Amino acid sequence: MSDDAVSPEEVRHVAELARVDLADDEVDRFTEQFRDILEYFETLDEVPEVDREADLTNVMRPDEDRDSLDREAALENASETEDGYFKGPNVS
């Protein structure tokens, strides 16, 4: 893998998008880590595919229809509700 696969500028850009402040030493460390991750994915690309049919089987119990809780019972232990719904914290 070439050294320019991930640049410090790209790491800073991703950090900015994620609203994460990184010091210069952290940018360097993350740049190396991203390079290592991409190199690992390149290694995985080299693994030969295995020819086999994709048999999907349900290894769990069979689905069973059963009655669900009514609204009052479901909301009974909720710390906060609003208009008959669970109320969660505001997210930015």
N, C-alpha and C. Protein backbone atom coordinates (compact mmCIF):
# COMPACT_ATOMS: atom_id res chain seq x y z
N MET A 1 0.85 -1.17 0.00
CA MET A 1 0.00 0.00 0.00
C MET A 1 0.89 1.23 0.00
N SER A 2 0.51 2.19 -0.79
CA SER A 2 1.32 3.41 -0.86
C SER A 2 1.05 4.29 0.34
N ASP A 3 2.06 5.10 0.69
CA ASP A 3 1.94 5.96 1.85
C ASP A 3 0.90 7.05 1.69
N ASP A 4 0.49 7.34 0.44
CA ASP A 4 -0.48 8.39 0.23
C ASP A 4 -1.92 7.87 0.22
N ALA A 5 -2.13 6.62 0.69
CA ALA A 5 -3.47 6.05 0.70
C ALA A 5 -4.39 6.87 1.61
N VAL A 6 -3.89 7.33 2.71
CA VAL A 6 -4.64 8.19 3.63
C VAL A 6 -3.71 9.32 4.03
N SER A 7 -4.17 10.52 3.83
CA SER A 7 -3.33 11.68 4.18
C SER A 7 -3.81 12.30 5.49
N PRO A 8 -2.91 13.01 6.16
CA PRO A 8 -3.32 13.72 7.38
C PRO A 8 -4.46 14.70 7.11
N GLU A 9 -4.50 15.28 5.92
CA GLU A 9 -5.58 16.21 5.58
C GLU A 9 -6.92 15.48 5.54
N GLU A 10 -6.91 14.26 5.02
CA GLU A 10 -8.15 13.47 4.99
C GLU A 10 -8.60 13.12 6.40
N VAL A 11 -7.64 12.79 7.26
CA VAL A 11 -7.99 12.48 8.65
C VAL A 11 -8.58 13.72 9.32
N ARG A 12 -7.99 14.87 9.09
CA ARG A 12 -8.53 16.11 9.66
C ARG A 12 -9.94 16.37 9.14
N HIS A 13 -10.14 16.11 7.85
CA HIS A 13 -11.46 16.32 7.25
C HIS A 13 -12.51 15.41 7.89
N VAL A 14 -12.18 14.13 8.04
CA VAL A 14 -13.10 13.18 8.66
C VAL A 14 -13.38 13.59 10.11
N ALA A 15 -12.33 14.01 10.81
CA ALA A 15 -12.50 14.45 12.20
C ALA A 15 -13.42 15.67 12.26
N GLU A 16 -13.27 16.56 11.31
CA GLU A 16 -14.11 17.76 11.28
C GLU A 16 -15.57 17.37 11.02
N LEU A 17 -15.79 16.44 10.10
CA LEU A 17 -17.15 15.97 9.83
C LEU A 17 -17.77 15.32 11.06
N ALA A 18 -16.94 14.62 11.83
CA ALA A 18 -17.41 13.95 13.04
C ALA A 18 -17.43 14.89 14.24
N ARG A 19 -17.01 16.14 14.01
CA ARG A 19 -16.94 17.15 15.08
C ARG A 19 -16.04 16.69 16.22
N VAL A 20 -14.88 16.18 15.82
CA VAL A 20 -13.88 15.72 16.78
C VAL A 20 -12.62 16.56 16.60
N ASP A 21 -12.15 17.14 17.69
CA ASP A 21 -10.90 17.89 17.64
C ASP A 21 -9.74 16.94 17.86
N LEU A 22 -8.76 16.99 16.96
CA LEU A 22 -7.59 16.13 17.08
C LEU A 22 -6.33 16.99 17.13
N ALA A 23 -5.44 16.63 18.05
CA ALA A 23 -4.13 17.27 18.10
C ALA A 23 -3.28 16.69 16.97
N ASP A 24 -2.18 17.37 16.64
CA ASP A 24 -1.33 16.92 15.53
C ASP A 24 -0.83 15.49 15.73
N ASP A 25 -0.45 15.13 16.97
CA ASP A 25 0.03 13.77 17.21
C ASP A 25 -1.09 12.75 17.03
N GLU A 26 -2.33 13.14 17.35
CA GLU A 26 -3.46 12.23 17.15
C GLU A 26 -3.74 12.06 15.66
N VAL A 27 -3.61 13.13 14.89
CA VAL A 27 -3.79 13.04 13.44
C VAL A 27 -2.79 12.05 12.85
N ASP A 28 -1.54 12.16 13.29
CA ASP A 28 -0.50 11.23 12.80
C ASP A 28 -0.84 9.79 13.17
N ARG A 29 -1.27 9.59 14.41
CA ARG A 29 -1.59 8.24 14.87
C ARG A 29 -2.78 7.67 14.09
N PHE A 30 -3.83 8.48 13.91
CA PHE A 30 -5.00 8.01 13.17
C PHE A 30 -4.68 7.77 11.70
N THR A 31 -3.81 8.57 11.13
CA THR A 31 -3.40 8.37 9.74
C THR A 31 -2.78 6.99 9.59
N GLU A 32 -1.88 6.64 10.50
CA GLU A 32 -1.26 5.31 10.47
C GLU A 32 -2.29 4.21 10.66
N GLN A 33 -3.21 4.42 11.61
CA GLN A 33 -4.21 3.39 11.89
C GLN A 33 -5.13 3.19 10.69
N PHE A 34 -5.54 4.29 10.03
CA PHE A 34 -6.37 4.15 8.84
C PHE A 34 -5.63 3.42 7.73
N ARG A 35 -4.36 3.71 7.57
CA ARG A 35 -3.55 2.99 6.57
C ARG A 35 -3.53 1.50 6.87
N ASP A 36 -3.33 1.17 8.15
CA ASP A 36 -3.30 -0.25 8.54
C ASP A 36 -4.64 -0.92 8.25
N ILE A 37 -5.73 -0.22 8.53
CA ILE A 37 -7.07 -0.79 8.28
C ILE A 37 -7.27 -1.03 6.80
N LEU A 38 -6.92 -0.04 5.97
CA LEU A 38 -7.08 -0.20 4.53
C LEU A 38 -6.19 -1.32 3.99
N GLU A 39 -5.02 -1.45 4.55
CA GLU A 39 -4.11 -2.53 4.14
C GLU A 39 -4.72 -3.88 4.49
N TYR A 40 -5.37 -3.95 5.65
CA TYR A 40 -6.03 -5.20 6.05
C TYR A 40 -7.15 -5.54 5.07
N PHE A 41 -7.93 -4.54 4.65
CA PHE A 41 -8.99 -4.80 3.68
C PHE A 41 -8.41 -5.27 2.35
N GLU A 42 -7.28 -4.73 1.94
CA GLU A 42 -6.64 -5.21 0.72
C GLU A 42 -6.24 -6.67 0.87
N THR A 43 -5.77 -7.05 2.04
CA THR A 43 -5.41 -8.44 2.30
C THR A 43 -6.65 -9.32 2.19
N LEU A 44 -7.78 -8.85 2.74
CA LEU A 44 -9.01 -9.63 2.65
C LEU A 44 -9.46 -9.80 1.20
N ASP A 45 -9.21 -8.79 0.38
CA ASP A 45 -9.58 -8.89 -1.04
C ASP A 45 -8.82 -10.01 -1.74
N GLU A 46 -7.67 -10.39 -1.21
CA GLU A 46 -6.85 -11.44 -1.82
C GLU A 46 -7.30 -12.84 -1.44
N VAL A 47 -8.18 -12.96 -0.46
CA VAL A 47 -8.66 -14.27 -0.03
C VAL A 47 -9.57 -14.82 -1.12
N PRO A 48 -9.31 -16.05 -1.56
CA PRO A 48 -10.13 -16.60 -2.64
C PRO A 48 -11.56 -16.86 -2.17
N GLU A 49 -12.49 -16.67 -3.10
CA GLU A 49 -13.88 -16.95 -2.78
C GLU A 49 -14.11 -18.45 -2.81
N VAL A 50 -15.04 -18.89 -2.01
CA VAL A 50 -15.37 -20.31 -1.95
C VAL A 50 -16.68 -20.51 -2.69
N ASP A 51 -16.69 -21.47 -3.60
CA ASP A 51 -17.92 -21.77 -4.33
C ASP A 51 -18.81 -22.65 -3.47
N ARG A 52 -19.95 -22.09 -3.12
CA ARG A 52 -20.94 -22.88 -2.39
C ARG A 52 -22.27 -22.17 -2.49
N GLU A 53 -23.31 -22.95 -2.35
CA GLU A 53 -24.63 -22.35 -2.41
C GLU A 53 -24.93 -21.70 -1.07
N ALA A 54 -25.56 -20.57 -1.15
CA ALA A 54 -25.89 -19.85 0.07
C ALA A 54 -27.19 -20.40 0.64
N ASP A 55 -27.07 -21.40 1.48
CA ASP A 55 -28.24 -21.97 2.13
C ASP A 55 -28.53 -21.18 3.39
N LEU A 56 -29.60 -20.46 3.35
CA LEU A 56 -29.99 -19.70 4.52
C LEU A 56 -30.95 -20.55 5.34
N THR A 57 -30.57 -20.79 6.56
CA THR A 57 -31.44 -21.57 7.42
C THR A 57 -31.64 -20.82 8.73
N ASN A 58 -32.82 -20.95 9.26
CA ASN A 58 -33.13 -20.30 10.53
C ASN A 58 -32.71 -21.25 11.64
N VAL A 59 -31.69 -20.86 12.38
CA VAL A 59 -31.21 -21.71 13.45
C VAL A 59 -31.90 -21.36 14.77
N MET A 60 -32.79 -20.41 14.72
CA MET A 60 -33.52 -20.02 15.91
C MET A 60 -34.85 -20.78 15.96
N ARG A 61 -35.61 -20.51 16.95
CA ARG A 61 -36.93 -21.13 17.08
C ARG A 61 -37.85 -20.61 15.98
N PRO A 62 -38.87 -21.34 15.64
CA PRO A 62 -39.80 -20.82 14.63
C PRO A 62 -40.57 -19.61 15.19
N ASP A 63 -40.97 -18.73 14.29
CA ASP A 63 -41.76 -17.58 14.71
C ASP A 63 -43.11 -18.04 15.21
N GLU A 64 -43.58 -17.39 16.26
CA GLU A 64 -44.89 -17.71 16.81
C GLU A 64 -45.67 -16.42 16.98
N ASP A 65 -46.90 -16.42 16.51
CA ASP A 65 -47.77 -15.27 16.74
C ASP A 65 -48.22 -15.28 18.19
N ARG A 66 -48.17 -14.11 18.81
CA ARG A 66 -48.71 -13.99 20.16
C ARG A 66 -49.11 -12.55 20.39
N ASP A 67 -49.94 -12.36 21.37
CA ASP A 67 -50.44 -11.03 21.68
C ASP A 67 -49.32 -10.14 22.17
N SER A 68 -49.40 -8.87 21.77
CA SER A 68 -48.40 -7.91 22.23
C SER A 68 -49.00 -7.08 23.36
N LEU A 69 -48.15 -6.29 24.00
CA LEU A 69 -48.62 -5.42 25.07
C LEU A 69 -49.50 -4.32 24.51
N ASP A 70 -50.49 -3.92 25.30
CA ASP A 70 -51.23 -2.74 24.87
C ASP A 70 -50.40 -1.51 25.23
N ARG A 71 -50.78 -0.37 24.70
CA ARG A 71 -50.00 0.86 24.85
C ARG A 71 -49.74 1.21 26.31
N GLU A 72 -50.77 1.13 27.14
CA GLU A 72 -50.61 1.50 28.55
C GLU A 72 -49.59 0.61 29.25
N ALA A 73 -49.66 -0.69 28.99
CA ALA A 73 -48.72 -1.62 29.62
C ALA A 73 -47.30 -1.36 29.14
N ALA A 74 -47.14 -1.04 27.84
CA ALA A 74 -45.81 -0.80 27.29
C ALA A 74 -45.20 0.46 27.89
N LEU A 75 -46.01 1.47 28.13
CA LEU A 75 -45.50 2.75 28.63
C LEU A 75 -45.46 2.81 30.16
N GLU A 76 -45.93 1.78 30.80
CA GLU A 76 -46.07 1.77 32.27
C GLU A 76 -44.79 2.13 33.01
N ASN A 77 -43.65 1.62 32.59
CA ASN A 77 -42.39 1.85 33.30
C ASN A 77 -41.50 2.88 32.62
N ALA A 78 -42.04 3.57 31.62
CA ALA A 78 -41.23 4.58 30.91
C ALA A 78 -40.99 5.78 31.82
N SER A 79 -39.76 6.28 31.81
CA SER A 79 -39.45 7.44 32.64
C SER A 79 -40.16 8.69 32.13
N GLU A 80 -40.34 8.81 30.81
CA GLU A 80 -41.06 9.95 30.24
C GLU A 80 -41.87 9.49 29.05
N THR A 81 -43.09 10.01 28.95
CA THR A 81 -43.93 9.75 27.79
C THR A 81 -44.52 11.07 27.32
N GLU A 82 -44.99 11.07 26.09
CA GLU A 82 -45.64 12.26 25.55
C GLU A 82 -46.66 11.82 24.52
N ASP A 83 -47.89 12.19 24.73
CA ASP A 83 -48.99 11.88 23.81
C ASP A 83 -49.07 10.39 23.48
N GLY A 84 -48.84 9.55 24.47
CA GLY A 84 -48.96 8.12 24.26
C GLY A 84 -47.75 7.44 23.62
N TYR A 85 -46.61 8.14 23.61
CA TYR A 85 -45.38 7.59 23.03
C TYR A 85 -44.24 7.69 24.03
N PHE A 86 -43.20 6.86 23.86
CA PHE A 86 -41.98 7.03 24.65
C PHE A 86 -41.36 8.36 24.29
N LYS A 87 -40.80 9.03 25.28
CA LYS A 87 -40.11 10.28 25.00
C LYS A 87 -38.64 10.09 25.37
N GLY A 88 -37.78 10.40 24.41
CA GLY A 88 -36.34 10.28 24.63
C GLY A 88 -35.71 11.66 24.66
N PRO A 89 -34.42 11.71 24.95
CA PRO A 89 -33.74 13.00 25.00
C PRO A 89 -33.60 13.62 23.61
N ASN A 90 -33.57 14.92 23.57
CA ASN A 90 -33.33 15.62 22.30
C ASN A 90 -31.92 15.34 21.82
N VAL A 91 -31.78 15.16 20.53
CA VAL A 91 -30.47 14.92 19.95
C VAL A 91 -30.14 16.12 19.07
N SER A 92 -29.04 16.78 19.41
CA SER A 92 -28.62 18.03 18.76
C SER A 92 -29.57 18.38 17.70
